[in-house]
């Protein structure tokens, strides 16, 4: 059980090779934490709606996002502030208007998978 950390080496395994495969599948804890944080952003229906809208139509202004999602402008702004701080979206100044677009390509990939899944489930 070469991948088992020393603090768990005393625990008995039923199948040592399976344990090592599972540890390898988990990988780097920092990577797991980063993905958990991404999923936390996606766990809120309002933020997920905003991200899906930005993914599909971005760059897009706050007022247009509010209209598209049915979320109040102030709530959209607050959510975008969090999404910007996390690196999920970026703000692009267009004269007096600020438009938002996706910045995180891994979140874009997840949103694309959601969009594809949605299209296939409605066409069946």
Protein backbone atom coordinates (compact mmCIF):
# COMPACT_ATOMS: atom_id res chain seq x y z
CA UNK A 1 0.00 0.00 0.00
CA UNK A 2 2.56 2.46 -1.24
CA UNK A 3 0.15 5.42 -1.56
CA UNK A 4 -1.38 5.21 1.92
CA UNK A 5 -0.14 8.10 4.10
CA UNK A 6 1.87 7.06 7.17
CA UNK A 7 -0.87 8.22 9.56
CA UNK A 8 -3.25 5.63 8.01
CA UNK A 9 -0.74 2.84 7.34
CA UNK A 10 -1.84 0.93 10.46
CA UNK A 11 -5.41 0.53 9.16
CA UNK A 12 -6.34 -2.80 7.61
CA UNK A 13 -7.30 -2.91 3.94
CA UNK A 14 -9.46 -5.54 2.26
CA UNK A 15 -7.88 -4.93 -1.16
CA UNK A 16 -4.65 -2.95 -1.04
CA UNK A 17 -4.53 -2.39 -4.80
CA UNK A 18 -8.04 -0.93 -4.80
CA UNK A 19 -7.09 1.40 -1.93
CA UNK A 20 -4.07 2.66 -3.90
CA UNK A 21 -6.24 3.12 -7.02
CA UNK A 22 -8.75 5.11 -4.95
CA UNK A 23 -6.00 7.32 -3.50
CA UNK A 24 -4.60 7.89 -6.99
CA UNK A 25 -8.11 8.78 -8.21
CA UNK A 26 -8.46 11.43 -5.50
CA UNK A 27 -5.14 12.96 -6.49
CA UNK A 28 -3.76 16.19 -5.11
CA UNK A 29 -5.84 17.55 -2.21
CA UNK A 30 -5.36 21.13 -3.48
CA UNK A 31 -6.92 20.12 -6.80
CA UNK A 32 -9.85 18.52 -4.96
CA UNK A 33 -10.32 21.69 -2.88
CA UNK A 34 -10.25 23.90 -6.00
CA UNK A 35 -12.94 21.77 -7.66
CA UNK A 36 -15.03 21.77 -4.48
CA UNK A 37 -14.90 25.58 -4.50
CA UNK A 38 -16.00 25.63 -8.15
CA UNK A 39 -18.90 23.33 -7.36
CA UNK A 40 -19.84 25.55 -4.39
CA UNK A 41 -20.18 28.46 -6.84
CA UNK A 42 -22.43 26.34 -9.01
CA UNK A 43 -24.51 25.06 -6.06
CA UNK A 44 -26.57 28.26 -5.79
CA UNK A 45 -29.39 28.35 -8.40
CA UNK A 46 -29.07 32.12 -8.85
CA UNK A 47 -25.31 32.02 -9.47
CA UNK A 48 -25.71 29.00 -11.72
CA UNK A 49 -28.36 30.84 -13.74
CA UNK A 50 -26.07 33.85 -14.07
CA UNK A 51 -23.14 31.69 -15.14
CA UNK A 52 -25.27 29.84 -17.71
CA UNK A 53 -26.51 33.17 -19.10
CA UNK A 54 -22.99 34.63 -19.24
CA UNK A 55 -21.72 31.43 -20.86
CA UNK A 56 -24.38 31.54 -23.55
CA UNK A 57 -24.66 35.28 -24.20
CA UNK A 58 -21.58 36.96 -22.69
CA UNK A 59 -20.18 39.52 -22.63
CA UNK A 60 -23.38 40.79 -21.05
CA UNK A 61 -24.35 43.76 -18.85
CA UNK A 62 -25.76 43.50 -15.32
CA UNK A 63 -29.18 44.91 -16.29
CA UNK A 64 -29.44 42.43 -19.17
CA UNK A 65 -28.51 39.57 -16.83
CA UNK A 66 -31.17 40.75 -14.38
CA UNK A 67 -33.76 40.80 -17.15
CA UNK A 68 -32.73 37.39 -18.48
CA UNK A 69 -32.64 35.65 -15.09
CA UNK A 70 -35.42 37.46 -13.25
CA UNK A 71 -32.98 38.36 -10.46
CA UNK A 72 -32.90 41.95 -9.14
CA UNK A 73 -30.03 44.15 -10.39
CA UNK A 74 -28.57 44.51 -6.89
CA UNK A 75 -28.58 40.74 -6.34
CA UNK A 76 -27.00 40.20 -9.75
CA UNK A 77 -24.27 42.71 -8.88
CA UNK A 78 -23.59 41.01 -5.54
CA UNK A 79 -23.39 37.57 -7.15
CA UNK A 80 -21.13 38.87 -9.91
CA UNK A 81 -18.84 40.41 -7.30
CA UNK A 82 -18.42 36.95 -5.73
CA UNK A 83 -18.01 35.27 -9.12
CA UNK A 84 -15.40 37.85 -10.12
CA UNK A 85 -13.48 37.43 -6.85
CA UNK A 86 -13.41 33.66 -7.40
CA UNK A 87 -12.04 34.09 -10.92
CA UNK A 88 -15.11 32.58 -12.61
CA UNK A 89 -16.03 35.74 -14.54
CA UNK A 90 -14.29 38.91 -15.60
CA UNK A 91 -15.60 42.44 -16.00
CA UNK A 92 -14.96 44.23 -19.28
CA UNK A 93 -15.52 47.98 -19.39
CA UNK A 94 -17.38 49.07 -22.55
CA UNK A 95 -17.66 52.84 -22.23
CA UNK A 96 -19.94 53.39 -19.23
CA UNK A 97 -21.25 49.83 -19.33
CA UNK A 98 -19.55 46.89 -17.64
CA UNK A 99 -20.07 43.58 -19.37
CA UNK A 100 -19.28 40.20 -17.87
CA UNK A 101 -17.79 37.15 -19.54
CA UNK A 102 -16.54 33.79 -18.32
CA UNK A 103 -12.91 33.67 -17.29
CA UNK A 104 -12.51 30.13 -15.92
CA UNK A 105 -12.27 27.64 -18.81
CA UNK A 106 -12.98 24.69 -16.51
CA UNK A 107 -16.27 26.23 -15.37
CA UNK A 108 -17.03 26.96 -19.03
CA UNK A 109 -16.54 23.25 -19.75
CA UNK A 110 -18.95 22.30 -16.97
CA UNK A 111 -21.53 24.81 -18.20
CA UNK A 112 -21.14 23.50 -21.74
CA UNK A 113 -21.79 19.98 -20.47
CA UNK A 114 -24.91 21.25 -18.66
CA UNK A 115 -26.11 22.99 -21.81
CA UNK A 116 -25.53 19.92 -23.98
CA UNK A 117 -27.29 17.70 -21.44
CA UNK A 118 -30.23 20.09 -21.32
CA UNK A 119 -30.58 20.09 -25.11
CA UNK A 120 -30.46 16.29 -25.35
CA UNK A 121 -32.99 15.77 -22.55
CA UNK A 122 -35.52 18.15 -24.12
CA UNK A 123 -35.22 16.60 -27.58
CA UNK A 124 -36.09 13.09 -26.37
